[in-house]
């Protein structure tokens, strides 16, 4: 099953689509999460994690740390603690 979740940038009085998380269990039976920047994020040049999520590179990024629930750092950091 393939699940998609849009991730929005919301700051400095602006809100726009930053990217999309895609989760699938078809390959391994366990959730595998990938991230893809939106065309608007690429056009704006907003790079929230230049080391692990550079704008230039593969269209889909995956293999994020398990201690971050398999999510990209900026997405994981935006989740509430608890």
PDB file of N, CA and C in Angstrom:
ATOM      1  N   UNK A   1       0.840  -1.177   0.000  1.00  0.00           N
ATOM      2  CA  UNK A   1       0.000   0.000   0.000  1.00  0.00           C
ATOM      3  C   UNK A   1       0.888   1.244   0.000  1.00  0.00           C
ATOM      4  N   UNK A   2       0.517   2.213  -0.807  1.00  0.00           N
ATOM      5  CA  UNK A   2       1.283   3.447  -0.943  1.00  0.00           C
ATOM      6  C   UNK A   2       0.510   4.590  -0.292  1.00  0.00           C
ATOM      7  N   UNK A   3       1.156   5.294   0.624  1.00  0.00           N
ATOM      8  CA  UNK A   3       0.549   6.447   1.299  1.00  0.00           C
ATOM      9  C   UNK A   3       1.356   7.690   0.979  1.00  0.00           C
ATOM     10  N   UNK A   4       0.661   8.809   0.817  1.00  0.00           N
ATOM     11  CA  UNK A   4       1.313  10.089   0.521  1.00  0.00           C
ATOM     12  C   UNK A   4       0.875  11.122   1.549  1.00  0.00           C
ATOM     13  N   UNK A   5       1.820  11.980   1.934  1.00  0.00           N
ATOM     14  CA  UNK A   5       1.523  13.062   2.867  1.00  0.00           C
ATOM     15  C   UNK A   5       2.254  14.313   2.391  1.00  0.00           C
ATOM     16  N   UNK A   6       1.514  15.375   2.121  1.00  0.00           N
ATOM     17  CA  UNK A   6       2.128  16.639   1.723  1.00  0.00           C
ATOM     18  C   UNK A   6       2.677  17.351   2.952  1.00  0.00           C
ATOM     19  N   UNK A   7       3.862  17.951   2.803  1.00  0.00           N
ATOM     20  CA  UNK A   7       4.523  18.683   3.881  1.00  0.00           C
ATOM     21  C   UNK A   7       4.630  20.138   3.435  1.00  0.00           C
ATOM     22  N   UNK A   8       4.112  21.042   4.263  1.00  0.00           N
ATOM     23  CA  UNK A   8       4.069  22.461   3.909  1.00  0.00           C
ATOM     24  C   UNK A   8       5.065  23.271   4.720  1.00  0.00           C
ATOM     25  N   UNK A   9       5.681  24.252   4.062  1.00  0.00           N
ATOM     26  CA  UNK A   9       6.499  25.259   4.726  1.00  0.00           C
ATOM     27  C   UNK A   9       5.536  26.334   5.211  1.00  0.00           C
ATOM     28  N   UNK A  10       5.686  26.742   6.467  1.00  0.00           N
ATOM     29  CA  UNK A  10       4.835  27.793   7.019  1.00  0.00           C
ATOM     30  C   UNK A  10       5.715  28.696   7.873  1.00  0.00           C
ATOM     31  N   UNK A  11       6.147  29.796   7.305  1.00  0.00           N
ATOM     32  CA  UNK A  11       7.013  30.718   8.034  1.00  0.00           C
ATOM     33  C   UNK A  11       7.143  32.039   7.305  1.00  0.00           C
ATOM     34  N   UNK A  12       7.488  33.071   8.043  1.00  0.00           N
ATOM     35  CA  UNK A  12       7.688  34.408   7.493  1.00  0.00           C
ATOM     36  C   UNK A  12       6.466  34.857   6.691  1.00  0.00           C
ATOM     37  N   UNK A  13       5.274  34.482   7.166  1.00  0.00           N
ATOM     38  CA  UNK A  13       4.043  34.910   6.508  1.00  0.00           C
ATOM     39  C   UNK A  13       3.718  34.180   5.224  1.00  0.00           C
ATOM     40  N   UNK A  14       4.408  33.093   4.957  1.00  0.00           N
ATOM     41  CA  UNK A  14       4.190  32.323   3.729  1.00  0.00           C
ATOM     42  C   UNK A  14       3.814  30.885   4.069  1.00  0.00           C
ATOM     43  N   UNK A  15       2.998  30.293   3.224  1.00  0.00           N
ATOM     44  CA  UNK A  15       2.693  28.869   3.306  1.00  0.00           C
ATOM     45  C   UNK A  15       2.708  28.315   1.891  1.00  0.00           C
ATOM     46  N   UNK A  16       3.504  27.262   1.672  1.00  0.00           N
ATOM     47  CA  UNK A  16       3.564  26.629   0.363  1.00  0.00           C
ATOM     48  C   UNK A  16       4.048  25.186   0.519  1.00  0.00           C
ATOM     49  N   UNK A  17       3.770  24.377  -0.497  1.00  0.00           N
ATOM     50  CA  UNK A  17       4.129  22.954  -0.468  1.00  0.00           C
ATOM     51  C   UNK A  17       5.643  22.801  -0.528  1.00  0.00           C
ATOM     52  N   UNK A  18       6.210  22.208   0.527  1.00  0.00           N
ATOM     53  CA  UNK A  18       7.658  21.985   0.586  1.00  0.00           C
ATOM     54  C   UNK A  18       8.032  20.663  -0.073  1.00  0.00           C
ATOM     55  N   UNK A  19       7.205  19.634   0.122  1.00  0.00           N
ATOM     56  CA  UNK A  19       7.500  18.341  -0.466  1.00  0.00           C
ATOM     57  C   UNK A  19       6.446  17.314  -0.098  1.00  0.00           C
ATOM     58  N   UNK A  20       6.714  16.067  -0.472  1.00  0.00           N
ATOM     59  CA  UNK A  20       5.783  14.979  -0.220  1.00  0.00           C
ATOM     60  C   UNK A  20       6.529  13.797   0.376  1.00  0.00           C
ATOM     61  N   UNK A  21       5.956  13.227   1.431  1.00  0.00           N
ATOM     62  CA  UNK A  21       6.447  11.975   1.999  1.00  0.00           C
ATOM     63  C   UNK A  21       5.641  10.841   1.381  1.00  0.00           C
ATOM     64  N   UNK A  22       6.318   9.791   0.970  1.00  0.00           N
ATOM     65  CA  UNK A  22       5.672   8.618   0.402  1.00  0.00           C
ATOM     66  C   UNK A  22       6.091   7.419   1.232  1.00  0.00           C
ATOM     67  N   UNK A  23       5.127   6.654   1.699  1.00  0.00           N
ATOM     68  CA  UNK A  23       5.408   5.474   2.514  1.00  0.00           C
ATOM     69  C   UNK A  23       4.828   4.249   1.827  1.00  0.00           C
ATOM     70  N   UNK A  24       5.628   3.195   1.752  1.00  0.00           N
ATOM     71  CA  UNK A  24       5.176   1.956   1.134  1.00  0.00           C
ATOM     72  C   UNK A  24       5.703   0.771   1.933  1.00  0.00           C
ATOM     73  N   UNK A  25       4.920  -0.280   1.986  1.00  0.00           N
ATOM     74  CA  UNK A  25       5.351  -1.515   2.655  1.00  0.00           C
ATOM     75  C   UNK A  25       5.502  -2.654   1.655  1.00  0.00           C
ATOM     76  N   UNK A  26       5.375  -2.384   0.359  1.00  0.00           N
ATOM     77  CA  UNK A  26       5.358  -3.451  -0.634  1.00  0.00           C
ATOM     78  C   UNK A  26       6.692  -4.173  -0.787  1.00  0.00           C
ATOM     79  N   UNK A  27       7.795  -3.493  -0.626  1.00  0.00           N
ATOM     80  CA  UNK A  27       9.103  -4.118  -0.846  1.00  0.00           C
ATOM     81  C   UNK A  27       9.514  -5.044   0.290  1.00  0.00           C
ATOM     82  N   UNK A  28       9.420  -4.574   1.514  1.00  0.00           N
ATOM     83  CA  UNK A  28       9.937  -5.337   2.656  1.00  0.00           C
ATOM     84  C   UNK A  28       8.867  -5.757   3.654  1.00  0.00           C
ATOM     85  N   UNK A  29       7.651  -5.256   3.508  1.00  0.00           N
ATOM     86  CA  UNK A  29       6.621  -5.517   4.505  1.00  0.00           C
ATOM     87  C   UNK A  29       6.682  -4.542   5.667  1.00  0.00           C
ATOM     88  N   UNK A  30       7.750  -3.777   5.749  1.00  0.00           N
ATOM     89  CA  UNK A  30       7.901  -2.729   6.770  1.00  0.00           C
ATOM     90  C   UNK A  30       7.804  -1.378   6.083  1.00  0.00           C
ATOM     91  N   UNK A  31       7.395  -0.341   6.818  1.00  0.00           N
ATOM     92  CA  UNK A  31       7.297   0.980   6.187  1.00  0.00           C
ATOM     93  C   UNK A  31       8.649   1.469   5.664  1.00  0.00           C
ATOM     94  N   UNK A  32       8.662   1.908   4.436  1.00  0.00           N
ATOM     95  CA  UNK A  32       9.830   2.533   3.828  1.00  0.00           C
ATOM     96  C   UNK A  32       9.386   3.924   3.390  1.00  0.00           C
ATOM     97  N   UNK A  33      10.006   4.961   3.941  1.00  0.00           N
ATOM     98  CA  UNK A  33       9.574   6.334   3.696  1.00  0.00           C
ATOM     99  C   UNK A  33      10.566   7.032   2.772  1.00  0.00           C
ATOM    100  N   UNK A  34      10.024   7.701   1.761  1.00  0.00           N
ATOM    101  CA  UNK A  34      10.834   8.499   0.843  1.00  0.00           C
ATOM    102  C   UNK A  34      10.296   9.929   0.848  1.00  0.00           C
ATOM    103  N   UNK A  35      11.154  10.872   0.473  1.00  0.00           N
ATOM    104  CA  UNK A  35      10.780  12.289   0.422  1.00  0.00           C
ATOM    105  C   UNK A  35      11.104  12.839  -0.953  1.00  0.00           C
ATOM    106  N   UNK A  36      10.204  13.685  -1.469  1.00  0.00           N
ATOM    107  CA  UNK A  36      10.438  14.363  -2.739  1.00  0.00           C
ATOM    108  C   UNK A  36      10.104  15.843  -2.577  1.00  0.00           C
ATOM    109  N   UNK A  37      11.048  16.724  -2.974  1.00  0.00           N
ATOM    110  CA  UNK A  37      10.792  18.164  -2.946  1.00  0.00           C
ATOM    111  C   UNK A  37       9.710  18.519  -3.955  1.00  0.00           C
ATOM    112  N   UNK A  38       8.932  19.555  -3.650  1.00  0.00           N
ATOM    113  CA  UNK A  38       7.951  20.074  -4.609  1.00  0.00           C
ATOM    114  C   UNK A  38       8.686  20.943  -5.631  1.00  0.00           C
ATOM    115  N   UNK A  39       8.106  21.123  -6.820  1.00  0.00           N
ATOM    116  CA  UNK A  39       8.722  22.038  -7.788  1.00  0.00           C
ATOM    117  C   UNK A  39       8.883  23.452  -7.221  1.00  0.00           C
ATOM    118  N   UNK A  40       7.939  23.886  -6.386  1.00  0.00           N
ATOM    119  CA  UNK A  40       8.032  25.231  -5.803  1.00  0.00           C
ATOM    120  C   UNK A  40       9.218  25.348  -4.854  1.00  0.00           C
ATOM    121  N   UNK A  41       9.474  24.318  -4.053  1.00  0.00           N
ATOM    122  CA  UNK A  41      10.626  24.347  -3.141  1.00  0.00           C
ATOM    123  C   UNK A  41      11.927  24.425  -3.932  1.00  0.00           C
ATOM    124  N   UNK A  42      11.993  23.672  -5.018  1.00  0.00           N
ATOM    125  CA  UNK A  42      13.196  23.695  -5.855  1.00  0.00           C
ATOM    126  C   UNK A  42      13.357  25.074  -6.487  1.00  0.00           C
ATOM    127  N   UNK A  43      12.262  25.636  -6.983  1.00  0.00           N
ATOM    128  CA  UNK A  43      12.306  26.967  -7.602  1.00  0.00           C
ATOM    129  C   UNK A  43      12.723  28.035  -6.595  1.00  0.00           C
ATOM    130  N   UNK A  44      12.223  27.944  -5.373  1.00  0.00           N
ATOM    131  CA  UNK A  44      12.547  28.930  -4.333  1.00  0.00           C
ATOM    132  C   UNK A  44      13.955  28.733  -3.774  1.00  0.00           C
ATOM    133  N   UNK A  45      14.514  27.542  -3.929  1.00  0.00           N
ATOM    134  CA  UNK A  45      15.856  27.272  -3.433  1.00  0.00           C
ATOM    135  C   UNK A  45      15.940  27.116  -1.926  1.00  0.00           C
ATOM    136  N   UNK A  46      14.828  26.743  -1.288  1.00  0.00           N
ATOM    137  CA  UNK A  46      14.810  26.592   0.171  1.00  0.00           C
ATOM    138  C   UNK A  46      15.304  25.199   0.535  1.00  0.00           C
ATOM    139  N   UNK A  47      16.444  25.146   1.189  1.00  0.00           N
ATOM    140  CA  UNK A  47      17.101  23.898   1.559  1.00  0.00           C
ATOM    141  C   UNK A  47      17.175  23.852   3.083  1.00  0.00           C
ATOM    142  N   UNK A  48      16.242  23.138   3.719  1.00  0.00           N
ATOM    143  CA  UNK A  48      16.202  23.111   5.182  1.00  0.00           C
ATOM    144  C   UNK A  48      17.245  22.180   5.784  1.00  0.00           C
ATOM    145  N   UNK A  49      17.819  21.318   4.976  1.00  0.00           N
ATOM    146  CA  UNK A  49      18.876  20.420   5.439  1.00  0.00           C
ATOM    147  C   UNK A  49      19.821  20.172   4.269  1.00  0.00           C
ATOM    148  N   UNK A  50      20.795  21.045   4.108  1.00  0.00           N
ATOM    149  CA  UNK A  50      21.666  20.982   2.929  1.00  0.00           C
ATOM    150  C   UNK A  50      22.544  19.736   2.883  1.00  0.00           C
ATOM    151  N   UNK A  51      22.815  19.127   4.032  1.00  0.00           N
ATOM    152  CA  UNK A  51      23.669  17.940   4.053  1.00  0.00           C
ATOM    153  C   UNK A  51      22.890  16.676   3.687  1.00  0.00           C
ATOM    154  N   UNK A  52      21.749  16.447   4.341  1.00  0.00           N
ATOM    155  CA  UNK A  52      20.992  15.214   4.109  1.00  0.00           C
ATOM    156  C   UNK A  52      19.884  15.356   3.072  1.00  0.00           C
ATOM    157  N   UNK A  53      19.434  16.586   2.813  1.00  0.00           N
ATOM    158  CA  UNK A  53      18.363  16.814   1.840  1.00  0.00           C
ATOM    159  C   UNK A  53      18.730  17.930   0.866  1.00  0.00           C
ATOM    160  N   UNK A  54      19.831  17.781   0.137  1.00  0.00           N
ATOM    161  CA  UNK A  54      20.182  18.838  -0.809  1.00  0.00           C
ATOM    162  C   UNK A  54      19.135  18.941  -1.920  1.00  0.00           C
ATOM    163  N   UNK A  55      18.915  20.151  -2.401  1.00  0.00           N
ATOM    164  CA  UNK A  55      17.945  20.335  -3.483  1.00  0.00           C
ATOM    165  C   UNK A  55      18.379  19.621  -4.754  1.00  0.00           C
ATOM    166  N   UNK A  56      19.673  19.602  -4.997  1.00  0.00           N
ATOM    167  CA  UNK A  56      20.183  18.924  -6.190  1.00  0.00           C
ATOM    168  C   UNK A  56      20.551  17.498  -5.809  1.00  0.00           C
ATOM    169  N   UNK A  57      20.067  16.559  -6.556  1.00  0.00           N
ATOM    170  CA  UNK A  57      20.346  15.158  -6.263  1.00  0.00           C
ATOM    171  C   UNK A  57      19.195  14.288  -6.722  1.00  0.00           C
ATOM    172  N   UNK A  58      19.100  13.114  -6.146  1.00  0.00           N
ATOM    173  CA  UNK A  58      18.044  12.182  -6.512  1.00  0.00           C
ATOM    174  C   UNK A  58      16.677  12.779  -6.211  1.00  0.00           C
ATOM    175  N   UNK A  59      15.672  12.513  -7.065  1.00  0.00           N
ATOM    176  CA  UNK A  59      14.350  13.075  -6.809  1.00  0.00           C
ATOM    177  C   UNK A  59      13.698  12.516  -5.548  1.00  0.00           C
ATOM    178  N   UNK A  60      13.913  11.242  -5.254  1.00  0.00           N
ATOM    179  CA  UNK A  60      13.362  10.638  -4.040  1.00  0.00           C
ATOM    180  C   UNK A  60      14.499  10.339  -3.079  1.00  0.00           C
ATOM    181  N   UNK A  61      14.378  10.800  -1.835  1.00  0.00           N
ATOM    182  CA  UNK A  61      15.382  10.540  -0.800  1.00  0.00           C
ATOM    183  C   UNK A  61      14.786   9.556   0.178  1.00  0.00           C
ATOM    184  N   UNK A  62      15.589   8.598   0.631  1.00  0.00           N
ATOM    185  CA  UNK A  62      15.103   7.636   1.613  1.00  0.00           C
ATOM    186  C   UNK A  62      16.254   7.173   2.486  1.00  0.00           C
ATOM    187  N   UNK A  63      15.972   6.267   3.419  1.00  0.00           N
ATOM    188  CA  UNK A  63      17.004   5.771   4.322  1.00  0.00           C
ATOM    189  C   UNK A  63      17.269   6.706   5.483  1.00  0.00           C
ATOM    190  N   UNK A  64      16.236   7.391   5.947  1.00  0.00           N
ATOM    191  CA  UNK A  64      16.393   8.306   7.078  1.00  0.00           C
ATOM    192  C   UNK A  64      16.543   7.507   8.370  1.00  0.00           C
ATOM    193  N   UNK A  65      17.157   8.068   9.409  1.00  0.00           N
ATOM    194  CA  UNK A  65      17.457   7.330  10.645  1.00  0.00           C
ATOM    195  C   UNK A  65      16.216   6.751  11.330  1.00  0.00           C
ATOM    196  N   UNK A  66      16.380   5.551  11.872  1.00  0.00           N
ATOM    197  CA  UNK A  66      15.264   4.902  12.569  1.00  0.00           C
ATOM    198  C   UNK A  66      14.904   5.641  13.851  1.00  0.00           C
ATOM    199  N   UNK A  67      15.881   6.306  14.496  1.00  0.00           N
ATOM    200  CA  UNK A  67      15.546   7.052  15.711  1.00  0.00           C
ATOM    201  C   UNK A  67      14.694   8.287  15.405  1.00  0.00           C
ATOM    202  N   UNK A  68      14.535   8.611  14.123  1.00  0.00           N
ATOM    203  CA  UNK A  68      13.649   9.690  13.682  1.00  0.00           C
ATOM    204  C   UNK A  68      12.400   9.108  13.025  1.00  0.00           C
ATOM    205  N   UNK A  69      12.073   7.867  13.367  1.00  0.00           N
ATOM    206  CA  UNK A  69      10.915   7.161  12.815  1.00  0.00           C
ATOM    207  C   UNK A  69      10.990   7.061  11.290  1.00  0.00           C
ATOM    208  N   UNK A  70      12.203   7.095  10.742  1.00  0.00           N
ATOM    209  CA  UNK A  70      12.387   6.992   9.306  1.00  0.00           C
ATOM    210  C   UNK A  70      12.031   8.250   8.539  1.00  0.00           C
ATOM    211  N   UNK A  71      11.868   9.369   9.246  1.00  0.00           N
ATOM    212  CA  UNK A  71      11.477  10.632   8.621  1.00  0.00           C
ATOM    213  C   UNK A  71      12.686  11.534   8.393  1.00  0.00           C
ATOM    214  N   UNK A  72      12.615  12.428   7.391  1.00  0.00           N
ATOM    215  CA  UNK A  72      13.675  13.424   7.228  1.00  0.00           C
ATOM    216  C   UNK A  72      13.750  14.313   8.468  1.00  0.00           C
ATOM    217  N   UNK A  73      14.930  14.762   8.828  1.00  0.00           N
ATOM    218  CA  UNK A  73      15.144  15.561  10.031  1.00  0.00           C
ATOM    219  C   UNK A  73      14.200  16.736  10.213  1.00  0.00           C
ATOM    220  N   UNK A  74      14.033  17.616   9.192  1.00  0.00           N
ATOM    221  CA  UNK A  74      13.138  18.757   9.392  1.00  0.00           C
ATOM    222  C   UNK A  74      11.685  18.349   9.662  1.00  0.00           C
ATOM    223  N   UNK A  75      11.244  17.243   9.084  1.00  0.00           N
ATOM    224  CA  UNK A  75       9.876  16.768   9.324  1.00  0.00           C
ATOM    225  C   UNK A  75       9.771  16.216  10.737  1.00  0.00           C
ATOM    226  N   UNK A  76      10.736  15.398  11.137  1.00  0.00           N
ATOM    227  CA  UNK A  76      10.730  14.819  12.486  1.00  0.00           C
ATOM    228  C   UNK A  76      10.807  15.916  13.554  1.00  0.00           C
ATOM    229  N   UNK A  77      11.650  16.916  13.325  1.00  0.00           N
ATOM    230  CA  UNK A  77      11.799  18.013  14.292  1.00  0.00           C
ATOM    231  C   UNK A  77      10.524  18.835  14.443  1.00  0.00           C
ATOM    232  N   UNK A  78       9.669  18.834  13.428  1.00  0.00           N
ATOM    233  CA  UNK A  78       8.422  19.602  13.486  1.00  0.00           C
ATOM    234  C   UNK A  78       7.316  18.880  14.254  1.00  0.00           C
ATOM    235  N   UNK A  79       7.509  17.588  14.552  1.00  0.00           N
ATOM    236  CA  UNK A  79       6.492  16.838  15.297  1.00  0.00           C
ATOM    237  C   UNK A  79       6.484  17.263  16.761  1.00  0.00           C
ATOM    238  N   UNK A  80       5.321  17.215  17.400  1.00  0.00           N
ATOM    239  CA  UNK A  80       5.282  17.557  18.832  1.00  0.00           C
ATOM    240  C   UNK A  80       6.010  16.509  19.665  1.00  0.00           C
ATOM    241  N   UNK A  81       6.662  16.946  20.729  1.00  0.00           N
ATOM    242  CA  UNK A  81       7.322  16.017  21.649  1.00  0.00           C
ATOM    243  C   UNK A  81       6.258  15.360  22.513  1.00  0.00           C
ATOM    244  N   UNK A  82       6.567  14.148  22.931  1.00  0.00           N
ATOM    245  CA  UNK A  82       5.597  13.623  23.841  1.00  0.00           C
ATOM    246  C   UNK A  82       5.504  12.204  23.983  1.00  0.00           C
TER     247      UNK A  82
END
